[in-house]
Amino acid sequence: MSRPVRIGVQLQPQHAPDYGLIRDAVLRAEDAGVDIVFNWDHFYPLSGDPEGAHFECWTMLGAFAEQTERVEIGALVTGGGYRNPDLLADMARTVDHISGGRLILGLGAGWFEKDYDQYGYEFGTAGSRLNLLRDYLPRITDRLKKLNPAPTRHIPVLIGGGGERKTLRLVAEYADMWHTFADLDVLAHKNKVLAEHCAAVGTDQARIERSVQWAGTEKAQALVDAGVTTFTVGVSGPDYDLSELKNAIRWRDEVNPQPVTGIA
C-alpha cells in the first residue's frame, strides 16, 4: 500500500439550529484523530425536514480553517455551478492561506434540484451540468496560477462522481483525488475506466487518491485492496454523533504501518 489510509468525516451542516453545535463537532473530530473534516455544498437539508436548519458551505470552511490546527478541510463536494469559477478559485486560495495549507478543493457537477431552483441557478440536465464543470475546471486552474499571493501549496483537487465518459475523464485531467459511492464490483470496473482515461491524457493513474464513503470495518479492507485509501464517515446534526467515526479511526490505526522510531 503506497499511501496510508486516511479517515475523513463529513459534518453535514443540516438540522443544527445553533452553529455552535457544528463548531463543537469539528473540535471533537480533530481531537479524536480524524484526518479530514468535510462539509457539503447544499442550501437545504438532504434528509429529515426539508426546510430544517442549514448553513452555507464556504463561509463555514473559513471558520474551520481558523478553528482547526492539524486536519485538512474541504467540501464534499462544491457544486460546480453555484459560483463563478474565478471567484471560487480565489475563495479556495484564501481558505488555503487561512488554514496554513490544509484545504482540499472538492468539486462536483451538482445534482440537488432544489438548490438550483430556490437560489436562481439553471438546473439544466446532468450532461449540461457536467459540461459546465468541464468548462470551469481550466478557469479555476488558471486563476489559481494568477493570484497574488499564490496558494501556499498545490491545492489538491477532489472530484466527486462516477460517470465513465465525462466525470472520469475530468478526474484523469484535473484531480488529485477521486471520490465515488461505488460498491466493490463497480469500483473495480470504474478503476479500469479511469486508468484508460489517464493513459489517454498522460496522467499517472496511481497518483490519484481513491476516496469512498465509510462502509464499516467489515468491508473496509476489501476496498483498500481495491485501491481506496480515504474513507469518509457522514454525520448529521443536530447531535453529530461521532461514535462510528471513532470506530473508523481505530481501524485506521490498526491497518496503517507504524512509523519506525529508532533502531533496536
C-alpha atoms as a PDB file:
ATOM      1  CA  MET A   1       0.000   0.000   0.000  1.00  0.00           C
ATOM      2  CA  SER A   2       1.715   3.174  -1.222  1.00  0.00           C
ATOM      3  CA  ARG A   3      -0.408   5.577   0.809  1.00  0.00           C
ATOM      4  CA  PRO A   4      -1.514   5.321   4.421  1.00  0.00           C
ATOM      5  CA  VAL A   5      -5.248   5.005   4.997  1.00  0.00           C
ATOM      6  CA  ARG A   6      -6.923   8.276   5.944  1.00  0.00           C
ATOM      7  CA  ILE A   7     -10.251   8.848   7.651  1.00  0.00           C
ATOM      8  CA  GLY A   8     -12.440  11.842   6.967  1.00  0.00           C
ATOM      9  CA  VAL A   9     -15.698  12.993   8.472  1.00  0.00           C
ATOM     10  CA  GLN A  10     -18.414  14.857   6.609  1.00  0.00           C
ATOM     11  CA  LEU A  11     -20.140  17.083   9.141  1.00  0.00           C
ATOM     12  CA  GLN A  12     -23.365  17.655   7.246  1.00  0.00           C
ATOM     13  CA  PRO A  13     -24.453  21.220   8.046  1.00  0.00           C
ATOM     14  CA  GLN A  14     -28.131  20.342   8.450  1.00  0.00           C
ATOM     15  CA  HIS A  15     -30.526  20.374  11.402  1.00  0.00           C
ATOM     16  CA  ALA A  16     -28.165  22.353  13.649  1.00  0.00           C
ATOM     17  CA  PRO A  17     -30.144  25.419  14.784  1.00  0.00           C
ATOM     18  CA  ASP A  18     -27.038  26.803  16.502  1.00  0.00           C
ATOM     19  CA  TYR A  19     -23.708  26.929  14.628  1.00  0.00           C
ATOM     20  CA  GLY A  20     -22.025  26.183  17.943  1.00  0.00           C
ATOM     21  CA  LEU A  21     -23.092  22.552  17.526  1.00  0.00           C
ATOM     22  CA  ILE A  22     -21.042  22.339  14.331  1.00  0.00           C
ATOM     23  CA  ARG A  23     -18.105  24.166  15.873  1.00  0.00           C
ATOM     24  CA  ASP A  24     -18.115  21.685  18.750  1.00  0.00           C
ATOM     25  CA  ALA A  25     -18.293  18.718  16.354  1.00  0.00           C
ATOM     26  CA  VAL A  26     -15.255  19.990  14.450  1.00  0.00           C
ATOM     27  CA  LEU A  27     -13.269  20.200  17.680  1.00  0.00           C
ATOM     28  CA  ARG A  28     -14.366  16.744  18.782  1.00  0.00           C
ATOM     29  CA  ALA A  29     -13.479  15.245  15.398  1.00  0.00           C
ATOM     30  CA  GLU A  30      -9.999  16.766  15.360  1.00  0.00           C
ATOM     31  CA  ASP A  31      -9.399  15.690  18.954  1.00  0.00           C
ATOM     32  CA  ALA A  32     -10.493  12.142  18.036  1.00  0.00           C
ATOM     33  CA  GLY A  33      -7.729  11.969  15.427  1.00  0.00           C
ATOM     34  CA  VAL A  34      -9.590  12.376  12.129  1.00  0.00           C
ATOM     35  CA  ASP A  35      -7.509  13.300   9.075  1.00  0.00           C
ATOM     36  CA  ILE A  36     -10.015  15.406   7.107  1.00  0.00           C
ATOM     37  CA  VAL A  37     -13.100  17.403   8.080  1.00  0.00           C
ATOM     38  CA  PHE A  38     -15.516  17.915   5.196  1.00  0.00           C
ATOM     39  CA  ASN A  39     -18.866  19.652   4.994  1.00  0.00           C
ATOM     40  CA  TRP A  40     -21.091  19.738   1.896  1.00  0.00           C
ATOM     41  CA  ASP A  41     -22.232  22.427  -0.514  1.00  0.00           C
ATOM     42  CA  HIS A  42     -26.018  22.472  -0.352  1.00  0.00           C
ATOM     43  CA  PHE A  43     -28.520  25.102   0.734  1.00  0.00           C
ATOM     44  CA  TYR A  44     -31.185  22.844   2.224  1.00  0.00           C
ATOM     45  CA  PRO A  45     -31.161  19.578   4.194  1.00  0.00           C
ATOM     46  CA  LEU A  46     -30.873  16.387   2.170  1.00  0.00           C
ATOM     47  CA  SER A  47     -32.611  14.260   4.790  1.00  0.00           C
ATOM     48  CA  GLY A  48     -35.149  14.833   7.533  1.00  0.00           C
ATOM     49  CA  ASP A  49     -37.167  18.048   7.487  1.00  0.00           C
ATOM     50  CA  PRO A  50     -36.561  19.543   4.016  1.00  0.00           C
ATOM     51  CA  GLU A  51     -36.997  23.034   5.458  1.00  0.00           C
ATOM     52  CA  GLY A  52     -34.860  22.359   8.509  1.00  0.00           C
ATOM     53  CA  ALA A  53     -31.919  24.399   9.761  1.00  0.00           C
ATOM     54  CA  HIS A  54     -28.970  24.621   7.373  1.00  0.00           C
ATOM     55  CA  PHE A  55     -25.754  26.631   6.935  1.00  0.00           C
ATOM     56  CA  GLU A  56     -23.687  27.619   3.884  1.00  0.00           C
ATOM     57  CA  CYS A  57     -20.533  25.758   2.902  1.00  0.00           C
ATOM     58  CA  TRP A  58     -17.674  28.123   2.108  1.00  0.00           C
ATOM     59  CA  THR A  59     -18.123  30.700   4.870  1.00  0.00           C
ATOM     60  CA  MET A  60     -18.105  27.688   7.182  1.00  0.00           C
ATOM     61  CA  LEU A  61     -14.821  26.438   5.680  1.00  0.00           C
ATOM     62  CA  GLY A  62     -13.245  29.759   6.589  1.00  0.00           C
ATOM     63  CA  ALA A  63     -14.335  29.131  10.179  1.00  0.00           C
ATOM     64  CA  PHE A  64     -12.992  25.555  10.040  1.00  0.00           C
ATOM     65  CA  ALA A  65      -9.664  26.949   8.836  1.00  0.00           C
ATOM     66  CA  GLU A  66      -9.331  29.263  11.835  1.00  0.00           C
ATOM     67  CA  GLN A  67     -10.652  26.762  14.340  1.00  0.00           C
ATOM     68  CA  THR A  68      -8.514  23.727  13.485  1.00  0.00           C
ATOM     69  CA  GLU A  69      -4.792  23.148  13.688  1.00  0.00           C
ATOM     70  CA  ARG A  70      -3.993  19.814  12.032  1.00  0.00           C
ATOM     71  CA  VAL A  71      -6.773  18.379   9.880  1.00  0.00           C
ATOM     72  CA  GLU A  72      -7.303  19.024   6.201  1.00  0.00           C
ATOM     73  CA  ILE A  73     -10.642  20.641   5.389  1.00  0.00           C
ATOM     74  CA  GLY A  74     -12.910  20.887   2.378  1.00  0.00           C
ATOM     75  CA  ALA A  75     -16.322  20.432   0.828  1.00  0.00           C
ATOM     76  CA  LEU A  76     -17.501  17.011  -0.240  1.00  0.00           C
ATOM     77  CA  VAL A  77     -18.224  18.496  -2.708  1.00  0.00           C
ATOM     78  CA  THR A  78     -18.648  22.050  -4.013  1.00  0.00           C
ATOM     79  CA  GLY A  79     -21.466  22.439  -6.530  1.00  0.00           C
ATOM     80  CA  GLY A  80     -19.744  23.329  -9.793  1.00  0.00           C
ATOM     81  CA  GLY A  81     -22.413  25.741 -10.969  1.00  0.00           C
ATOM     82  CA  TYR A  82     -23.039  27.662  -7.756  1.00  0.00           C
ATOM     83  CA  ARG A  83     -20.194  30.188  -8.061  1.00  0.00           C
ATOM     84  CA  ASN A  84     -18.188  31.969 -10.696  1.00  0.00           C
ATOM     85  CA  PRO A  85     -15.137  29.699 -11.142  1.00  0.00           C
ATOM     86  CA  ASP A  86     -12.580  32.507 -10.880  1.00  0.00           C
ATOM     87  CA  LEU A  87     -14.214  33.653  -7.654  1.00  0.00           C
ATOM     88  CA  LEU A  88     -14.238  30.071  -6.371  1.00  0.00           C
ATOM     89  CA  ALA A  89     -10.512  29.770  -7.066  1.00  0.00           C
ATOM     90  CA  ASP A  90      -9.915  32.964  -5.077  1.00  0.00           C
ATOM     91  CA  MET A  91     -12.087  31.681  -2.228  1.00  0.00           C
ATOM     92  CA  ALA A  92     -10.097  28.437  -2.208  1.00  0.00           C
ATOM     93  CA  ARG A  93      -6.786  30.307  -2.211  1.00  0.00           C
ATOM     94  CA  THR A  94      -7.960  32.440   0.709  1.00  0.00           C
ATOM     95  CA  VAL A  95      -9.100  29.465   2.794  1.00  0.00           C
ATOM     96  CA  ASP A  96      -5.827  27.748   1.893  1.00  0.00           C
ATOM     97  CA  HIS A  97      -3.945  30.672   3.445  1.00  0.00           C
ATOM     98  CA  ILE A  98      -6.211  30.932   6.484  1.00  0.00           C
ATOM     99  CA  SER A  99      -5.673  27.232   7.181  1.00  0.00           C
ATOM    100  CA  GLY A 100      -1.933  27.271   6.574  1.00  0.00           C
ATOM    101  CA  GLY A 101      -2.206  24.993   3.543  1.00  0.00           C
ATOM    102  CA  ARG A 102      -4.831  22.434   4.610  1.00  0.00           C
ATOM    103  CA  LEU A 103      -7.613  22.913   2.036  1.00  0.00           C
ATOM    104  CA  ILE A 104      -8.841  20.205  -0.322  1.00  0.00           C
ATOM    105  CA  LEU A 105     -10.845  21.695  -3.206  1.00  0.00           C
ATOM    106  CA  GLY A 106     -13.727  19.272  -3.671  1.00  0.00           C
ATOM    107  CA  LEU A 107     -15.757  19.749  -6.860  1.00  0.00           C
ATOM    108  CA  GLY A 108     -18.752  18.093  -8.466  1.00  0.00           C
ATOM    109  CA  ALA A 109     -21.338  18.788 -11.141  1.00  0.00           C
ATOM    110  CA  GLY A 110     -24.236  19.240  -8.694  1.00  0.00           C
ATOM    111  CA  TRP A 111     -27.473  17.270  -8.577  1.00  0.00           C
ATOM    112  CA  PHE A 112     -29.944  18.591  -5.971  1.00  0.00           C
ATOM    113  CA  GLU A 113     -32.592  20.427  -7.976  1.00  0.00           C
ATOM    114  CA  LYS A 114     -33.998  22.373  -5.034  1.00  0.00           C
ATOM    115  CA  ASP A 115     -30.664  24.157  -4.558  1.00  0.00           C
ATOM    116  CA  TYR A 116     -30.811  25.415  -8.119  1.00  0.00           C
ATOM    117  CA  ASP A 117     -34.472  26.355  -8.172  1.00  0.00           C
ATOM    118  CA  GLN A 118     -34.506  28.222  -4.875  1.00  0.00           C
ATOM    119  CA  TYR A 119     -31.245  30.107  -5.441  1.00  0.00           C
ATOM    120  CA  GLY A 120     -31.846  31.066  -9.049  1.00  0.00           C
ATOM    121  CA  TYR A 121     -29.413  28.768 -10.849  1.00  0.00           C
ATOM    122  CA  GLU A 122     -30.306  26.931 -14.045  1.00  0.00           C
ATOM    123  CA  PHE A 123     -30.656  23.231 -13.242  1.00  0.00           C
ATOM    124  CA  GLY A 124     -30.353  22.003 -16.812  1.00  0.00           C
ATOM    125  CA  THR A 125     -29.512  18.341 -17.301  1.00  0.00           C
ATOM    126  CA  ALA A 126     -26.870  16.011 -15.914  1.00  0.00           C
ATOM    127  CA  GLY A 127     -24.990  16.467 -19.176  1.00  0.00           C
ATOM    128  CA  SER A 128     -25.173  20.269 -19.138  1.00  0.00           C
ATOM    129  CA  ARG A 129     -24.024  20.403 -15.519  1.00  0.00           C
ATOM    130  CA  LEU A 130     -21.046  18.188 -16.322  1.00  0.00           C
ATOM    131  CA  ASN A 131     -20.236  20.338 -19.336  1.00  0.00           C
ATOM    132  CA  LEU A 132     -20.274  23.395 -17.079  1.00  0.00           C
ATOM    133  CA  LEU A 133     -17.868  21.701 -14.660  1.00  0.00           C
ATOM    134  CA  ARG A 134     -15.643  20.810 -17.616  1.00  0.00           C
ATOM    135  CA  ASP A 135     -15.616  24.462 -18.684  1.00  0.00           C
ATOM    136  CA  TYR A 136     -14.960  25.703 -15.147  1.00  0.00           C
ATOM    137  CA  LEU A 137     -12.010  23.458 -14.257  1.00  0.00           C
ATOM    138  CA  PRO A 138      -9.438  25.114 -16.553  1.00  0.00           C
ATOM    139  CA  ARG A 139     -10.627  28.536 -15.386  1.00  0.00           C
ATOM    140  CA  ILE A 140     -10.106  27.513 -11.755  1.00  0.00           C
ATOM    141  CA  THR A 141      -6.678  26.101 -12.562  1.00  0.00           C
ATOM    142  CA  ASP A 142      -5.679  29.217 -14.495  1.00  0.00           C
ATOM    143  CA  ARG A 143      -6.930  31.640 -11.829  1.00  0.00           C
ATOM    144  CA  LEU A 144      -5.022  29.815  -9.087  1.00  0.00           C
ATOM    145  CA  LYS A 145      -1.818  30.457 -11.058  1.00  0.00           C
ATOM    146  CA  LYS A 146      -2.536  34.207 -11.305  1.00  0.00           C
ATOM    147  CA  LEU A 147      -3.488  35.015  -7.711  1.00  0.00           C
ATOM    148  CA  ASN A 148      -1.240  37.183  -5.558  1.00  0.00           C
ATOM    149  CA  PRO A 149      -0.219  35.911  -3.124  1.00  0.00           C
ATOM    150  CA  ALA A 150      -0.182  32.445  -4.625  1.00  0.00           C
ATOM    151  CA  PRO A 151      -1.659  29.476  -2.736  1.00  0.00           C
ATOM    152  CA  THR A 152       0.614  28.094  -0.058  1.00  0.00           C
ATOM    153  CA  ARG A 153       0.808  24.760  -1.901  1.00  0.00           C
ATOM    154  CA  HIS A 154      -0.689  22.940  -4.837  1.00  0.00           C
ATOM    155  CA  ILE A 155      -4.277  22.791  -3.575  1.00  0.00           C
ATOM    156  CA  PRO A 156      -5.416  19.176  -4.026  1.00  0.00           C
ATOM    157  CA  VAL A 157      -8.459  18.910  -6.289  1.00  0.00           C
ATOM    158  CA  LEU A 158     -11.028  16.260  -5.400  1.00  0.00           C
ATOM    159  CA  ILE A 159     -13.669  15.427  -7.997  1.00  0.00           C
ATOM    160  CA  GLY A 160     -16.749  13.502  -6.921  1.00  0.00           C
ATOM    161  CA  GLY A 161     -18.799  11.291  -9.191  1.00  0.00           C
ATOM    162  CA  GLY A 162     -18.681   8.117 -11.227  1.00  0.00           C
ATOM    163  CA  GLY A 163     -19.774   8.918 -14.777  1.00  0.00           C
ATOM    164  CA  GLU A 164     -17.498   6.932 -17.043  1.00  0.00           C
ATOM    165  CA  ARG A 165     -17.436   9.129 -20.142  1.00  0.00           C
ATOM    166  CA  LYS A 166     -17.289  12.668 -18.730  1.00  0.00           C
ATOM    167  CA  THR A 167     -16.613  12.646 -14.982  1.00  0.00           C
ATOM    168  CA  LEU A 168     -13.778  10.130 -15.006  1.00  0.00           C
ATOM    169  CA  ARG A 169     -12.190  11.974 -17.909  1.00  0.00           C
ATOM    170  CA  LEU A 170     -12.162  15.129 -15.784  1.00  0.00           C
ATOM    171  CA  VAL A 171     -10.697  13.144 -12.895  1.00  0.00           C
ATOM    172  CA  ALA A 172      -7.883  11.984 -15.160  1.00  0.00           C
ATOM    173  CA  GLU A 173      -7.222  15.517 -16.392  1.00  0.00           C
ATOM    174  CA  TYR A 174      -7.558  17.569 -13.213  1.00  0.00           C
ATOM    175  CA  ALA A 175      -7.952  15.597  -9.987  1.00  0.00           C
ATOM    176  CA  ASP A 176      -5.592  14.600  -7.216  1.00  0.00           C
ATOM    177  CA  MET A 177      -8.408  12.702  -5.500  1.00  0.00           C
ATOM    178  CA  TRP A 178     -11.470  10.888  -6.820  1.00  0.00           C
ATOM    179  CA  HIS A 179     -14.488  10.316  -4.576  1.00  0.00           C
ATOM    180  CA  THR A 180     -17.119   7.776  -5.558  1.00  0.00           C
ATOM    181  CA  PHE A 181     -20.010   5.968  -3.902  1.00  0.00           C
ATOM    182  CA  ALA A 182     -19.445   2.760  -5.866  1.00  0.00           C
ATOM    183  CA  ASP A 183     -19.556  -0.664  -4.288  1.00  0.00           C
ATOM    184  CA  LEU A 184     -16.589  -3.011  -4.646  1.00  0.00           C
ATOM    185  CA  ASP A 185     -17.502  -4.560  -8.011  1.00  0.00           C
ATOM    186  CA  VAL A 186     -18.430  -1.238  -9.579  1.00  0.00           C
ATOM    187  CA  LEU A 187     -15.308   0.378  -8.160  1.00  0.00           C
ATOM    188  CA  ALA A 188     -13.112  -2.255  -9.796  1.00  0.00           C
ATOM    189  CA  HIS A 189     -14.735  -1.560 -13.159  1.00  0.00           C
ATOM    190  CA  LYS A 190     -14.527   2.217 -12.815  1.00  0.00           C
ATOM    191  CA  ASN A 191     -10.878   1.968 -11.778  1.00  0.00           C
ATOM    192  CA  LYS A 192     -10.191   0.329 -15.135  1.00  0.00           C
ATOM    193  CA  VAL A 193     -12.093   3.058 -16.951  1.00  0.00           C
ATOM    194  CA  LEU A 194     -10.183   5.745 -15.061  1.00  0.00           C
ATOM    195  CA  ALA A 195      -6.894   4.051 -15.928  1.00  0.00           C
ATOM    196  CA  GLU A 196      -7.858   4.195 -19.617  1.00  0.00           C
ATOM    197  CA  HIS A 197      -8.646   7.911 -19.384  1.00  0.00           C
ATOM    198  CA  CYS A 198      -5.373   8.528 -17.553  1.00  0.00           C
ATOM    199  CA  ALA A 199      -3.438   6.715 -20.265  1.00  0.00           C
ATOM    200  CA  ALA A 200      -5.188   8.807 -22.914  1.00  0.00           C
ATOM    201  CA  VAL A 201      -4.223  12.134 -21.281  1.00  0.00           C
ATOM    202  CA  GLY A 202      -0.804  11.105 -19.966  1.00  0.00           C
ATOM    203  CA  THR A 203      -1.647  11.049 -16.270  1.00  0.00           C
ATOM    204  CA  ASP A 204      -0.173   8.502 -13.868  1.00  0.00           C
ATOM    205  CA  GLN A 205      -3.354   6.927 -12.518  1.00  0.00           C
ATOM    206  CA  ALA A 206      -1.518   5.773  -9.392  1.00  0.00           C
ATOM    207  CA  ARG A 207      -1.139   9.372  -8.204  1.00  0.00           C
ATOM    208  CA  ILE A 208      -4.936   9.857  -7.956  1.00  0.00           C
ATOM    209  CA  GLU A 209      -6.121   9.070  -4.453  1.00  0.00           C
ATOM    210  CA  ARG A 210      -9.275   6.920  -4.296  1.00  0.00           C
ATOM    211  CA  SER A 211     -11.916   8.019  -1.783  1.00  0.00           C
ATOM    212  CA  VAL A 212     -15.254   6.461  -0.785  1.00  0.00           C
ATOM    213  CA  GLN A 213     -17.848   6.730   1.924  1.00  0.00           C
ATOM    214  CA  TRP A 214     -17.121   4.634   5.005  1.00  0.00           C
ATOM    215  CA  ALA A 215     -18.828   1.242   4.675  1.00  0.00           C
ATOM    216  CA  GLY A 216     -17.861  -0.248   8.056  1.00  0.00           C
ATOM    217  CA  THR A 217     -14.898  -2.231   9.275  1.00  0.00           C
ATOM    218  CA  GLU A 218     -16.159  -5.454   7.682  1.00  0.00           C
ATOM    219  CA  LYS A 219     -15.891  -4.048   4.147  1.00  0.00           C
ATOM    220  CA  ALA A 220     -13.025  -1.603   4.552  1.00  0.00           C
ATOM    221  CA  GLN A 221     -10.073  -3.920   3.935  1.00  0.00           C
ATOM    222  CA  ALA A 222     -11.501  -5.188   0.650  1.00  0.00           C
ATOM    223  CA  LEU A 223     -11.853  -1.584  -0.501  1.00  0.00           C
ATOM    224  CA  VAL A 224      -8.251  -0.888   0.491  1.00  0.00           C
ATOM    225  CA  ASP A 225      -7.212  -3.912  -1.553  1.00  0.00           C
ATOM    226  CA  ALA A 226      -9.101  -2.336  -4.476  1.00  0.00           C
ATOM    227  CA  GLY A 227      -7.063   0.871  -4.135  1.00  0.00           C
ATOM    228  CA  VAL A 228      -9.083   3.024  -1.733  1.00  0.00           C
ATOM    229  CA  THR A 229      -7.065   4.966   0.834  1.00  0.00           C
ATOM    230  CA  THR A 230      -9.539   7.606   2.062  1.00  0.00           C
ATOM    231  CA  PHE A 231     -12.811   6.807   3.829  1.00  0.00           C
ATOM    232  CA  THR A 232     -15.314   9.413   4.984  1.00  0.00           C
ATOM    233  CA  VAL A 233     -17.928   8.928   7.697  1.00  0.00           C
ATOM    234  CA  GLY A 234     -21.066  11.020   7.203  1.00  0.00           C
ATOM    235  CA  VAL A 235     -22.543  12.595  10.337  1.00  0.00           C
ATOM    236  CA  SER A 236     -25.655  14.766  10.521  1.00  0.00           C
ATOM    237  CA  GLY A 237     -26.838  17.344  13.018  1.00  0.00           C
ATOM    238  CA  PRO A 238     -28.066  18.271  15.454  1.00  0.00           C
ATOM    239  CA  ASP A 239     -26.297  15.665  17.614  1.00  0.00           C
ATOM    240  CA  TYR A 240     -23.213  14.946  15.477  1.00  0.00           C
ATOM    241  CA  ASP A 241     -22.668  11.512  16.990  1.00  0.00           C
ATOM    242  CA  LEU A 242     -19.029  10.582  16.295  1.00  0.00           C
ATOM    243  CA  SER A 243     -19.113   7.007  17.584  1.00  0.00           C
ATOM    244  CA  GLU A 244     -18.797   5.419  14.120  1.00  0.00           C
ATOM    245  CA  LEU A 245     -16.067   7.887  13.226  1.00  0.00           C
ATOM    246  CA  LYS A 246     -14.096   6.721  16.251  1.00  0.00           C
ATOM    247  CA  ASN A 247     -14.550   3.102  15.121  1.00  0.00           C
ATOM    248  CA  ALA A 248     -13.126   4.054  11.733  1.00  0.00           C
ATOM    249  CA  ILE A 249     -10.173   5.856  13.318  1.00  0.00           C
ATOM    250  CA  ARG A 250      -9.369   2.834  15.482  1.00  0.00           C
ATOM    251  CA  TRP A 251      -9.458   0.612  12.397  1.00  0.00           C
ATOM    252  CA  ARG A 252      -7.174   3.053  10.539  1.00  0.00           C
ATOM    253  CA  ASP A 253      -4.652   2.904  13.338  1.00  0.00           C
ATOM    254  CA  GLU A 254      -4.664  -0.892  13.216  1.00  0.00           C
ATOM    255  CA  VAL A 255      -4.078  -1.188   9.466  1.00  0.00           C
ATOM    256  CA  ASN A 256      -1.610   1.648   8.854  1.00  0.00           C
ATOM    257  CA  PRO A 257       2.079   0.795   9.018  1.00  0.00           C
ATOM    258  CA  GLN A 258       3.634   2.003  12.219  1.00  0.00           C
ATOM    259  CA  PRO A 259       6.451   4.539  11.809  1.00  0.00           C
ATOM    260  CA  VAL A 260       9.958   3.424  12.625  1.00  0.00           C
ATOM    261  CA  THR A 261      11.097   5.444  15.619  1.00  0.00           C
ATOM    262  CA  GLY A 262      14.560   4.049  16.127  1.00  0.00           C
ATOM    263  CA  ILE A 263      16.980   1.186  15.593  1.00  0.00           C
ATOM    264  CA  ALA A 264      16.977  -1.635  18.102  1.00  0.00           C
END
